[in-house]
Amino acid sequence: MSHAEPSIAEWQSHKSITVIDLVASGLHKESYPIEVGWSVDDEQAPEAALIRPAADWTKTDFSDAAHTIHAIAYEALLEQGIP
C-alpha cells in the first residue's frame, strides 16, 4: 500500500507556519539577545518585543557594528525592553 504525499495546497490548508527571529547585541560570544520577533501565519501581523539587558549583560558587549545593522539603541532596551 503506497501513501501519497499531500499537495502543497493541501499541506498549506492544514498547517500554519511560525517564524521566530532573534536579534543579537553583536556577533561575538559575549553577545546577548536584544529583540525577538514572531509571525504565526500570513493572516496575523508580525509582532516583536525588545529584551531588557540582564544585570550582567553590559553595554560593552553591545556592538557598534551590529547597531549599524539592527538600529536598536541600547537606551531603548533599558526603557522599553521586557525583563
Protein backbone atom coordinates (compact mmCIF):
# COMPACT_ATOMS: atom_id res chain seq x y z
CA MET A 1 0.00 0.00 0.00
CA SER A 2 1.50 3.31 -1.03
CA HIS A 3 0.91 6.59 0.72
CA ALA A 4 0.66 9.68 -1.48
CA GLU A 5 2.26 12.86 -0.22
CA PRO A 6 -0.17 15.77 0.15
CA SER A 7 -0.03 18.52 -2.41
CA ILE A 8 1.36 21.93 -1.41
CA ALA A 9 -2.18 23.36 -1.35
CA GLU A 10 -3.38 20.55 0.94
CA TRP A 11 -0.39 20.98 3.24
CA GLN A 12 -0.85 24.77 3.43
CA SER A 13 -4.54 24.45 4.22
CA HIS A 14 -3.78 22.39 7.36
CA LYS A 15 -0.58 23.89 8.66
CA SER A 16 0.37 27.28 9.98
CA ILE A 17 3.96 28.39 9.74
CA THR A 18 5.60 30.01 12.74
CA VAL A 19 8.67 32.16 12.20
CA ILE A 20 10.86 33.35 15.08
CA ASP A 21 13.57 35.96 14.56
CA LEU A 22 16.17 36.88 17.17
CA VAL A 23 18.34 39.98 17.03
CA ALA A 24 21.62 39.97 18.98
CA SER A 25 23.71 42.73 20.51
CA GLY A 26 26.65 41.60 18.41
CA LEU A 27 28.30 38.65 16.72
CA HIS A 28 30.72 37.60 19.46
CA LYS A 29 30.46 35.10 22.31
CA GLU A 30 29.52 37.81 24.84
CA SER A 31 26.54 38.90 22.70
CA TYR A 32 23.05 38.64 24.08
CA PRO A 33 19.51 38.74 22.62
CA ILE A 34 18.02 42.23 22.31
CA GLU A 35 14.84 41.61 20.30
CA VAL A 36 12.55 38.70 19.47
CA GLY A 37 10.07 38.82 16.62
CA TRP A 38 7.47 36.27 15.56
CA SER A 39 4.82 35.63 12.99
CA VAL A 40 2.36 32.76 13.11
CA ASP A 41 0.92 32.90 9.61
CA ASP A 42 0.04 35.27 6.79
CA GLU A 43 -3.23 36.29 8.43
CA GLN A 44 -1.61 37.77 11.54
CA ALA A 45 0.69 40.79 11.58
CA PRO A 46 4.23 40.06 12.77
CA GLU A 47 4.98 41.09 16.35
CA ALA A 48 8.21 41.93 18.17
CA ALA A 49 9.46 42.78 21.63
CA LEU A 50 12.68 44.35 22.85
CA ILE A 51 14.54 42.49 25.58
CA ARG A 52 15.90 44.46 28.55
CA PRO A 53 19.53 43.51 29.23
CA ALA A 54 20.09 41.44 32.37
CA ALA A 55 22.28 42.97 35.08
CA ASP A 56 25.38 41.11 33.86
CA TRP A 57 24.81 41.98 30.16
CA THR A 58 26.89 45.12 29.80
CA LYS A 59 26.88 47.91 27.25
CA THR A 60 30.47 46.98 26.39
CA ASP A 61 29.02 43.76 24.92
CA PHE A 62 26.71 45.88 22.71
CA SER A 63 28.47 46.03 19.34
CA ASP A 64 28.53 49.33 17.42
CA ALA A 65 28.94 47.31 14.20
CA ALA A 66 25.79 45.30 14.96
CA HIS A 67 23.96 48.51 15.89
CA THR A 68 24.51 49.81 12.36
CA ILE A 69 22.60 46.75 11.12
CA HIS A 70 19.72 46.47 13.61
CA ALA A 71 19.47 50.20 14.55
CA ILE A 72 18.22 49.42 18.06
CA ALA A 73 19.63 51.81 20.64
CA TYR A 74 20.93 50.38 23.92
CA GLU A 75 18.90 53.03 25.77
CA ALA A 76 15.70 51.78 24.07
CA LEU A 77 16.38 48.33 25.51
CA LEU A 78 16.64 49.78 29.00
CA GLU A 79 13.49 51.90 28.64
CA GLN A 80 11.23 49.66 26.53
CA GLY A 81 12.66 46.15 26.90
CA ILE A 82 10.81 43.42 28.73
CA PRO A 83 12.77 41.71 31.54
